[in-house]
């Protein structure tokens, strides 16, 4: 890709194959034109949210696999099926050619979403869900418990 699309010293894609501390990750997110999360299966996908949180300049484009958990939560990202190579190429092209105005509009919406649904809200929802499950379990135990047997009532004539 770099040979085909790079010019001189410019390399469109840079692979950093080492651990990066948070301040460096923040600088890298800020330097990127786009963040591409191409997961085939994933949960919350914090990389997508970190990218959005880092972009207080309201620039950059988030591209998400439709299978990334964040795709449902961040609809202003460009969402694509990673198994569709042509759609992926078209989406990456759209990301790197997107106008600054559209980037700003999308990033403002993404940042508002990430700000609203932060880790504290997530933790609160998890605790509420756990409380609901526990209450349902208690109710189920009470409803399924058989009353103690105190005697047998018989109706009708006795056979003795």
N, C-alpha and C. Protein backbone atom coordinates (compact mmCIF):
# COMPACT_ATOMS: atom_id res chain seq x y z
N UNK A 1 0.81 -1.18 0.00
CA UNK A 1 0.00 0.00 0.00
C UNK A 1 0.87 1.26 0.00
N UNK A 2 1.91 1.26 0.84
CA UNK A 2 2.77 2.43 0.90
C UNK A 2 3.51 2.66 -0.42
N UNK A 3 3.92 1.55 -1.08
CA UNK A 3 4.61 1.69 -2.37
C UNK A 3 3.67 2.26 -3.41
N UNK A 4 2.42 1.80 -3.40
CA UNK A 4 1.46 2.23 -4.41
C UNK A 4 0.98 3.66 -4.17
N UNK A 5 0.73 4.03 -2.92
CA UNK A 5 0.12 5.32 -2.63
C UNK A 5 1.06 6.34 -1.99
N UNK A 6 2.23 5.90 -1.56
CA UNK A 6 3.18 6.82 -0.96
C UNK A 6 3.92 7.65 -2.00
N UNK A 7 4.39 8.80 -1.56
CA UNK A 7 5.16 9.69 -2.45
C UNK A 7 6.36 10.21 -1.68
N UNK A 8 7.54 9.95 -2.18
CA UNK A 8 8.74 10.43 -1.51
C UNK A 8 8.85 9.85 -0.11
N UNK A 9 8.92 10.72 0.87
CA UNK A 9 9.02 10.30 2.27
C UNK A 9 7.65 10.02 2.89
N UNK A 10 6.56 10.34 2.20
CA UNK A 10 5.21 10.14 2.72
C UNK A 10 4.82 8.68 2.65
N UNK A 11 4.45 8.11 3.79
CA UNK A 11 3.93 6.75 3.84
C UNK A 11 2.52 6.80 4.42
N UNK A 12 1.54 6.41 3.65
CA UNK A 12 0.15 6.49 4.11
C UNK A 12 -0.15 5.65 5.35
N UNK A 13 0.50 4.50 5.47
CA UNK A 13 0.25 3.61 6.60
C UNK A 13 1.55 3.38 7.35
N UNK A 14 1.49 3.58 8.68
CA UNK A 14 2.66 3.35 9.52
C UNK A 14 2.32 2.29 10.55
N UNK A 15 3.10 1.23 10.59
CA UNK A 15 2.90 0.17 11.57
C UNK A 15 3.89 0.41 12.71
N UNK A 16 3.37 0.52 13.91
CA UNK A 16 4.21 0.68 15.10
C UNK A 16 4.05 -0.60 15.90
N UNK A 17 5.07 -1.43 15.86
CA UNK A 17 5.02 -2.76 16.46
C UNK A 17 5.76 -2.76 17.80
N UNK A 18 5.21 -1.99 18.76
CA UNK A 18 5.77 -1.94 20.11
C UNK A 18 4.73 -1.33 21.03
N UNK A 19 4.95 -1.45 22.32
CA UNK A 19 4.04 -0.86 23.30
C UNK A 19 4.16 0.66 23.26
N UNK A 20 3.04 1.33 23.34
CA UNK A 20 3.02 2.79 23.40
C UNK A 20 2.30 3.22 24.67
N UNK A 21 2.87 4.16 25.38
CA UNK A 21 2.24 4.71 26.59
C UNK A 21 1.09 5.63 26.18
N UNK A 22 0.11 5.84 27.06
CA UNK A 22 -1.06 6.65 26.72
C UNK A 22 -0.78 8.03 26.10
N UNK A 23 0.19 8.80 26.59
CA UNK A 23 0.43 10.10 25.94
C UNK A 23 0.85 9.97 24.47
N UNK A 24 1.64 8.93 24.16
CA UNK A 24 2.05 8.71 22.78
C UNK A 24 0.86 8.24 21.94
N UNK A 25 0.03 7.36 22.50
CA UNK A 25 -1.16 6.89 21.78
C UNK A 25 -2.05 8.08 21.45
N UNK A 26 -2.22 8.99 22.41
CA UNK A 26 -3.02 10.18 22.19
C UNK A 26 -2.47 11.00 21.02
N UNK A 27 -1.14 11.19 20.99
CA UNK A 27 -0.51 11.95 19.90
C UNK A 27 -0.72 11.24 18.56
N UNK A 28 -0.63 9.92 18.56
CA UNK A 28 -0.83 9.17 17.32
C UNK A 28 -2.27 9.28 16.83
N UNK A 29 -3.22 9.18 17.75
CA UNK A 29 -4.63 9.36 17.36
C UNK A 29 -4.84 10.75 16.76
N UNK A 30 -4.20 11.75 17.36
CA UNK A 30 -4.36 13.13 16.88
C UNK A 30 -3.68 13.33 15.51
N UNK A 31 -2.65 12.56 15.24
CA UNK A 31 -1.93 12.71 13.97
C UNK A 31 -2.61 11.96 12.82
N UNK A 32 -3.46 11.00 13.14
CA UNK A 32 -4.07 10.15 12.12
C UNK A 32 -5.20 10.88 11.39
N UNK A 33 -5.30 10.62 10.09
CA UNK A 33 -6.43 11.15 9.32
C UNK A 33 -7.67 10.30 9.56
N UNK A 34 -7.46 9.02 9.87
CA UNK A 34 -8.57 8.11 10.09
C UNK A 34 -8.13 7.02 11.06
N UNK A 35 -9.12 6.43 11.72
CA UNK A 35 -8.90 5.27 12.57
C UNK A 35 -9.78 4.17 12.02
N UNK A 36 -9.16 3.05 11.67
CA UNK A 36 -9.86 1.96 11.01
C UNK A 36 -9.86 0.76 11.96
N UNK A 37 -11.03 0.40 12.48
CA UNK A 37 -11.18 -0.75 13.37
C UNK A 37 -11.89 -1.82 12.55
N UNK A 38 -11.12 -2.80 12.10
CA UNK A 38 -11.65 -3.78 11.14
C UNK A 38 -11.99 -5.12 11.79
N UNK A 39 -12.39 -5.11 13.03
CA UNK A 39 -12.69 -6.33 13.77
C UNK A 39 -13.70 -7.22 13.04
N UNK A 40 -13.48 -8.51 13.15
CA UNK A 40 -14.45 -9.47 12.63
C UNK A 40 -15.45 -9.85 13.71
N UNK A 41 -15.07 -9.63 14.96
CA UNK A 41 -15.96 -9.87 16.10
C UNK A 41 -15.33 -9.13 17.28
N UNK A 42 -16.10 -8.30 17.94
CA UNK A 42 -15.51 -7.55 19.04
C UNK A 42 -16.58 -7.07 20.00
N UNK A 43 -16.17 -6.65 21.17
CA UNK A 43 -17.08 -6.16 22.19
C UNK A 43 -17.23 -4.65 22.13
N UNK A 44 -16.83 -3.99 23.20
CA UNK A 44 -17.04 -2.54 23.31
C UNK A 44 -16.16 -1.74 22.37
N UNK A 45 -15.00 -2.23 22.08
CA UNK A 45 -14.03 -1.59 21.22
C UNK A 45 -13.57 -0.23 21.71
N UNK A 46 -12.73 -0.24 22.71
CA UNK A 46 -12.24 0.99 23.31
C UNK A 46 -11.35 1.80 22.39
N UNK A 47 -10.69 1.16 21.43
CA UNK A 47 -9.83 1.91 20.51
C UNK A 47 -10.66 2.97 19.78
N UNK A 48 -11.84 2.60 19.32
CA UNK A 48 -12.69 3.56 18.61
C UNK A 48 -13.04 4.74 19.51
N UNK A 49 -13.38 4.44 20.76
CA UNK A 49 -13.76 5.50 21.69
C UNK A 49 -12.57 6.35 22.11
N UNK A 50 -11.41 5.73 22.24
CA UNK A 50 -10.20 6.50 22.56
C UNK A 50 -9.86 7.46 21.41
N UNK A 51 -9.99 6.98 20.18
CA UNK A 51 -9.72 7.83 19.02
C UNK A 51 -10.64 9.05 19.05
N UNK A 52 -11.92 8.83 19.27
CA UNK A 52 -12.89 9.92 19.32
C UNK A 52 -12.56 10.88 20.46
N UNK A 53 -12.26 10.34 21.65
CA UNK A 53 -11.95 11.18 22.80
C UNK A 53 -10.70 12.03 22.55
N UNK A 54 -9.75 11.49 21.82
CA UNK A 54 -8.51 12.23 21.54
C UNK A 54 -8.70 13.35 20.54
N UNK A 55 -9.75 13.29 19.74
CA UNK A 55 -9.92 14.24 18.64
C UNK A 55 -10.70 15.48 19.05
N UNK A 56 -10.16 16.23 20.03
CA UNK A 56 -10.81 17.47 20.44
C UNK A 56 -10.63 18.57 19.40
N UNK A 57 -9.86 18.27 18.35
CA UNK A 57 -9.75 19.19 17.21
C UNK A 57 -10.91 18.98 16.23
N UNK A 58 -11.76 17.99 16.53
CA UNK A 58 -12.93 17.65 15.71
C UNK A 58 -12.58 17.31 14.26
N UNK A 59 -11.43 16.67 14.09
CA UNK A 59 -10.99 16.19 12.78
C UNK A 59 -10.82 14.69 12.85
N UNK A 60 -10.58 14.09 11.70
CA UNK A 60 -10.38 12.65 11.63
C UNK A 60 -11.69 11.93 11.38
N UNK A 61 -11.55 10.71 10.87
CA UNK A 61 -12.71 9.91 10.52
C UNK A 61 -12.56 8.53 11.17
N UNK A 62 -13.63 8.08 11.78
CA UNK A 62 -13.65 6.76 12.39
C UNK A 62 -14.33 5.79 11.43
N UNK A 63 -13.61 4.71 11.07
CA UNK A 63 -14.15 3.66 10.21
C UNK A 63 -14.26 2.40 11.06
N UNK A 64 -15.47 1.86 11.13
CA UNK A 64 -15.70 0.69 11.97
C UNK A 64 -16.24 -0.49 11.18
N UNK A 65 -15.76 -1.65 11.52
CA UNK A 65 -16.36 -2.89 11.04
C UNK A 65 -17.78 -2.96 11.60
N UNK A 66 -18.69 -3.45 10.80
CA UNK A 66 -20.07 -3.59 11.30
C UNK A 66 -20.15 -4.61 12.42
N UNK A 67 -19.09 -5.41 12.60
CA UNK A 67 -19.06 -6.43 13.64
C UNK A 67 -18.44 -5.92 14.94
N UNK A 68 -17.88 -4.72 14.93
CA UNK A 68 -17.32 -4.13 16.14
C UNK A 68 -18.48 -3.70 17.04
N UNK A 69 -18.34 -3.95 18.33
CA UNK A 69 -19.40 -3.57 19.27
C UNK A 69 -19.70 -2.08 19.21
N UNK A 70 -18.70 -1.26 18.98
CA UNK A 70 -18.88 0.18 18.94
C UNK A 70 -19.71 0.65 17.74
N UNK A 71 -19.84 -0.18 16.72
CA UNK A 71 -20.58 0.22 15.51
C UNK A 71 -22.04 0.53 15.83
N UNK A 72 -22.62 -0.20 16.77
CA UNK A 72 -24.01 0.07 17.15
C UNK A 72 -24.12 1.33 17.98
N UNK A 73 -23.09 1.63 18.73
CA UNK A 73 -23.11 2.77 19.64
C UNK A 73 -22.65 4.06 18.99
N UNK A 74 -21.88 3.96 17.91
CA UNK A 74 -21.30 5.14 17.28
C UNK A 74 -21.74 5.23 15.81
N UNK A 75 -23.00 5.54 15.56
CA UNK A 75 -23.52 5.51 14.19
C UNK A 75 -22.96 6.58 13.25
N UNK A 76 -22.29 7.60 13.79
CA UNK A 76 -21.70 8.64 12.94
C UNK A 76 -20.36 8.19 12.34
N UNK A 77 -19.87 7.05 12.76
CA UNK A 77 -18.67 6.48 12.13
C UNK A 77 -19.08 5.93 10.77
N UNK A 78 -18.11 5.71 9.92
CA UNK A 78 -18.37 5.02 8.66
C UNK A 78 -18.33 3.53 8.97
N UNK A 79 -19.45 2.86 8.79
CA UNK A 79 -19.56 1.44 9.17
C UNK A 79 -19.57 0.60 7.90
N UNK A 80 -18.75 -0.46 7.90
CA UNK A 80 -18.59 -1.27 6.69
C UNK A 80 -18.39 -2.74 7.06
N UNK A 81 -18.75 -3.62 6.15
CA UNK A 81 -18.53 -5.06 6.32
C UNK A 81 -17.08 -5.36 5.92
N UNK A 82 -16.24 -5.84 6.87
CA UNK A 82 -14.84 -6.09 6.53
C UNK A 82 -14.62 -7.25 5.57
N UNK A 83 -15.64 -8.08 5.34
CA UNK A 83 -15.52 -9.16 4.38
C UNK A 83 -15.72 -8.68 2.94
N UNK A 84 -16.24 -7.47 2.79
CA UNK A 84 -16.49 -6.90 1.46
C UNK A 84 -15.32 -5.99 1.10
N UNK A 85 -14.35 -6.53 0.38
CA UNK A 85 -13.11 -5.82 0.07
C UNK A 85 -13.37 -4.53 -0.70
N UNK A 86 -14.26 -4.58 -1.68
CA UNK A 86 -14.55 -3.38 -2.47
C UNK A 86 -15.20 -2.30 -1.61
N UNK A 87 -16.12 -2.69 -0.75
CA UNK A 87 -16.76 -1.72 0.13
C UNK A 87 -15.75 -1.14 1.11
N UNK A 88 -14.84 -1.97 1.61
CA UNK A 88 -13.79 -1.48 2.51
C UNK A 88 -12.93 -0.43 1.79
N UNK A 89 -12.52 -0.74 0.57
CA UNK A 89 -11.69 0.21 -0.19
C UNK A 89 -12.43 1.51 -0.41
N UNK A 90 -13.70 1.43 -0.78
CA UNK A 90 -14.50 2.64 -1.02
C UNK A 90 -14.67 3.45 0.26
N UNK A 91 -14.83 2.77 1.37
CA UNK A 91 -15.03 3.45 2.64
C UNK A 91 -13.74 4.13 3.10
N UNK A 92 -12.61 3.46 2.93
CA UNK A 92 -11.33 4.09 3.29
C UNK A 92 -11.08 5.31 2.40
N UNK A 93 -11.41 5.18 1.13
CA UNK A 93 -11.26 6.33 0.22
C UNK A 93 -12.15 7.48 0.67
N UNK A 94 -13.39 7.15 1.02
CA UNK A 94 -14.31 8.19 1.50
C UNK A 94 -13.76 8.85 2.76
N UNK A 95 -13.19 8.05 3.66
CA UNK A 95 -12.65 8.59 4.91
C UNK A 95 -11.52 9.58 4.66
N UNK A 96 -10.59 9.21 3.79
CA UNK A 96 -9.42 10.08 3.59
C UNK A 96 -9.70 11.27 2.67
N UNK A 97 -10.85 11.27 2.01
CA UNK A 97 -11.20 12.41 1.16
C UNK A 97 -12.37 13.22 1.73
N UNK A 98 -12.83 12.87 2.93
CA UNK A 98 -13.97 13.55 3.53
C UNK A 98 -13.65 15.02 3.82
N UNK A 99 -14.60 15.88 3.56
CA UNK A 99 -14.40 17.32 3.77
C UNK A 99 -14.23 17.63 5.26
N UNK A 100 -13.49 18.67 5.57
CA UNK A 100 -13.33 19.07 6.98
C UNK A 100 -14.68 19.36 7.66
N UNK A 101 -15.64 19.91 6.93
CA UNK A 101 -16.95 20.20 7.52
C UNK A 101 -17.67 18.91 7.93
N UNK A 102 -17.65 17.91 7.04
CA UNK A 102 -18.30 16.65 7.37
C UNK A 102 -17.57 15.94 8.51
N UNK A 103 -16.23 16.01 8.50
CA UNK A 103 -15.46 15.43 9.60
C UNK A 103 -15.88 16.07 10.92
N UNK A 104 -15.97 17.40 10.92
CA UNK A 104 -16.33 18.12 12.15
C UNK A 104 -17.72 17.71 12.63
N UNK A 105 -18.69 17.69 11.71
CA UNK A 105 -20.06 17.33 12.10
C UNK A 105 -20.12 15.92 12.68
N UNK A 106 -19.47 14.98 12.02
CA UNK A 106 -19.48 13.60 12.50
C UNK A 106 -18.74 13.47 13.83
N UNK A 107 -17.58 14.13 13.92
CA UNK A 107 -16.77 14.02 15.14
C UNK A 107 -17.48 14.68 16.33
N UNK A 108 -18.18 15.78 16.11
CA UNK A 108 -18.93 16.40 17.20
C UNK A 108 -19.98 15.43 17.73
N UNK A 109 -20.69 14.78 16.83
CA UNK A 109 -21.72 13.81 17.25
C UNK A 109 -21.08 12.62 17.96
N UNK A 110 -19.96 12.13 17.44
CA UNK A 110 -19.27 11.00 18.07
C UNK A 110 -18.78 11.38 19.46
N UNK A 111 -18.20 12.56 19.58
CA UNK A 111 -17.67 13.00 20.88
C UNK A 111 -18.79 13.18 21.90
N UNK A 112 -19.93 13.69 21.46
CA UNK A 112 -21.06 13.84 22.37
C UNK A 112 -21.52 12.47 22.86
N UNK A 113 -21.57 11.50 21.96
CA UNK A 113 -21.99 10.14 22.32
C UNK A 113 -21.01 9.51 23.31
N UNK A 114 -19.72 9.64 23.03
CA UNK A 114 -18.71 9.04 23.91
C UNK A 114 -18.73 9.74 25.27
N UNK A 115 -18.95 11.03 25.27
CA UNK A 115 -19.01 11.79 26.53
C UNK A 115 -20.22 11.38 27.36
N UNK A 116 -21.36 11.22 26.71
CA UNK A 116 -22.59 10.84 27.40
C UNK A 116 -22.53 9.41 27.94
N UNK A 117 -22.04 8.50 27.13
CA UNK A 117 -21.99 7.09 27.51
C UNK A 117 -20.58 6.70 27.90
N UNK A 118 -20.11 7.31 28.98
CA UNK A 118 -18.74 7.08 29.44
C UNK A 118 -18.68 5.88 30.38
N UNK A 119 -17.52 5.63 30.93
CA UNK A 119 -17.29 4.45 31.77
C UNK A 119 -18.17 4.48 33.03
N UNK A 120 -18.45 5.67 33.54
CA UNK A 120 -19.27 5.77 34.75
C UNK A 120 -20.71 5.36 34.46
N UNK A 121 -21.23 5.80 33.32
CA UNK A 121 -22.59 5.40 32.94
C UNK A 121 -22.63 3.90 32.67
N UNK A 122 -21.60 3.38 31.99
CA UNK A 122 -21.53 1.95 31.71
C UNK A 122 -21.52 1.16 33.02
N UNK A 123 -20.69 1.58 33.97
CA UNK A 123 -20.61 0.88 35.26
C UNK A 123 -21.95 0.96 35.99
N UNK A 124 -22.59 2.11 35.95
CA UNK A 124 -23.89 2.27 36.59
C UNK A 124 -24.92 1.34 35.98
N UNK A 125 -24.91 1.24 34.66
CA UNK A 125 -25.85 0.33 33.99
C UNK A 125 -25.57 -1.12 34.35
N UNK A 126 -24.31 -1.48 34.44
CA UNK A 126 -23.95 -2.85 34.82
C UNK A 126 -24.47 -3.15 36.22
N UNK A 127 -24.32 -2.21 37.16
CA UNK A 127 -24.79 -2.43 38.52
C UNK A 127 -26.32 -2.52 38.56
N UNK A 128 -27.00 -1.66 37.81
CA UNK A 128 -28.46 -1.74 37.75
C UNK A 128 -28.92 -3.07 37.16
N UNK A 129 -28.26 -3.50 36.09
CA UNK A 129 -28.60 -4.79 35.49
C UNK A 129 -28.38 -5.94 36.48
N UNK A 130 -27.26 -5.88 37.21
CA UNK A 130 -26.98 -6.93 38.20
C UNK A 130 -28.04 -6.93 39.30
N UNK A 131 -28.46 -5.74 39.72
CA UNK A 131 -29.51 -5.64 40.74
C UNK A 131 -30.82 -6.24 40.24
N UNK A 132 -31.18 -5.93 38.98
CA UNK A 132 -32.40 -6.48 38.39
C UNK A 132 -32.36 -8.00 38.33
N UNK A 133 -31.22 -8.53 37.90
CA UNK A 133 -31.07 -9.99 37.80
C UNK A 133 -31.21 -10.62 39.19
N UNK A 134 -30.58 -10.02 40.19
CA UNK A 134 -30.65 -10.56 41.55
C UNK A 134 -32.08 -10.54 42.07
N UNK A 135 -32.81 -9.43 41.80
CA UNK A 135 -34.21 -9.35 42.22
C UNK A 135 -35.05 -10.42 41.52
N UNK A 136 -34.80 -10.65 40.25
CA UNK A 136 -35.54 -11.68 39.51
C UNK A 136 -35.23 -13.06 40.08
N UNK A 137 -33.98 -13.30 40.44
CA UNK A 137 -33.62 -14.59 41.03
C UNK A 137 -34.32 -14.80 42.36
N UNK A 138 -34.36 -13.77 43.18
CA UNK A 138 -35.04 -13.88 44.48
C UNK A 138 -36.53 -14.16 44.29
N UNK A 139 -37.15 -13.47 43.37
CA UNK A 139 -38.56 -13.68 43.09
C UNK A 139 -38.80 -15.10 42.60
N UNK A 140 -37.94 -15.57 41.71
CA UNK A 140 -38.06 -16.93 41.18
C UNK A 140 -37.96 -17.95 42.31
N UNK A 141 -37.03 -17.75 43.22
CA UNK A 141 -36.86 -18.68 44.35
C UNK A 141 -38.12 -18.68 45.21
N UNK A 142 -38.67 -17.48 45.49
CA UNK A 142 -39.88 -17.41 46.32
C UNK A 142 -41.06 -18.07 45.63
N UNK A 143 -41.21 -17.87 44.33
CA UNK A 143 -42.35 -18.42 43.61
C UNK A 143 -42.23 -19.92 43.38
N UNK A 144 -41.03 -20.42 43.29
CA UNK A 144 -40.86 -21.85 43.00
C UNK A 144 -40.75 -22.70 44.27
N UNK A 145 -40.61 -22.05 45.43
CA UNK A 145 -40.52 -22.81 46.68
C UNK A 145 -41.88 -23.41 46.99
N UNK A 146 -41.90 -24.70 47.34
CA UNK A 146 -43.16 -25.38 47.66
C UNK A 146 -43.49 -25.12 49.13
N UNK A 147 -44.76 -24.85 49.40
CA UNK A 147 -45.12 -24.64 50.81
C UNK A 147 -44.94 -25.95 51.60
N UNK A 148 -44.65 -25.81 52.87
CA UNK A 148 -44.47 -26.99 53.73
C UNK A 148 -45.78 -27.78 53.79
N UNK A 149 -45.69 -29.08 53.75
CA UNK A 149 -46.86 -29.95 53.76
C UNK A 149 -47.32 -30.15 55.21
N UNK A 150 -48.57 -29.79 55.49
CA UNK A 150 -49.05 -29.88 56.88
C UNK A 150 -50.08 -30.98 57.06
N UNK A 151 -50.51 -31.56 56.06
CA UNK A 151 -51.54 -32.59 56.17
C UNK A 151 -52.21 -32.74 54.83
N UNK A 152 -52.99 -33.79 54.71
CA UNK A 152 -53.63 -34.06 53.45
C UNK A 152 -55.13 -33.94 53.64
N UNK A 153 -55.74 -33.17 52.82
CA UNK A 153 -57.19 -33.07 52.83
C UNK A 153 -57.75 -33.99 51.78
N UNK A 154 -58.78 -34.79 52.17
CA UNK A 154 -59.40 -35.67 51.19
C UNK A 154 -60.89 -35.36 51.17
N UNK A 155 -61.38 -35.37 50.00
CA UNK A 155 -62.81 -35.13 49.84
C UNK A 155 -63.46 -36.42 49.33
N UNK A 156 -64.68 -36.62 49.69
CA UNK A 156 -65.38 -37.80 49.23
C UNK A 156 -65.52 -38.83 50.32
N UNK A 157 -65.98 -40.00 49.94
CA UNK A 157 -66.20 -41.05 50.92
C UNK A 157 -64.93 -41.81 51.24
N UNK A 158 -64.86 -42.25 52.42
CA UNK A 158 -63.71 -43.02 52.86
C UNK A 158 -63.92 -44.47 52.44
N UNK A 159 -62.85 -45.16 52.10
CA UNK A 159 -62.89 -46.53 51.62
C UNK A 159 -62.72 -47.53 52.78
N UNK A 160 -62.76 -47.15 54.02
CA UNK A 160 -62.55 -48.08 55.12
C UNK A 160 -63.75 -48.85 55.52
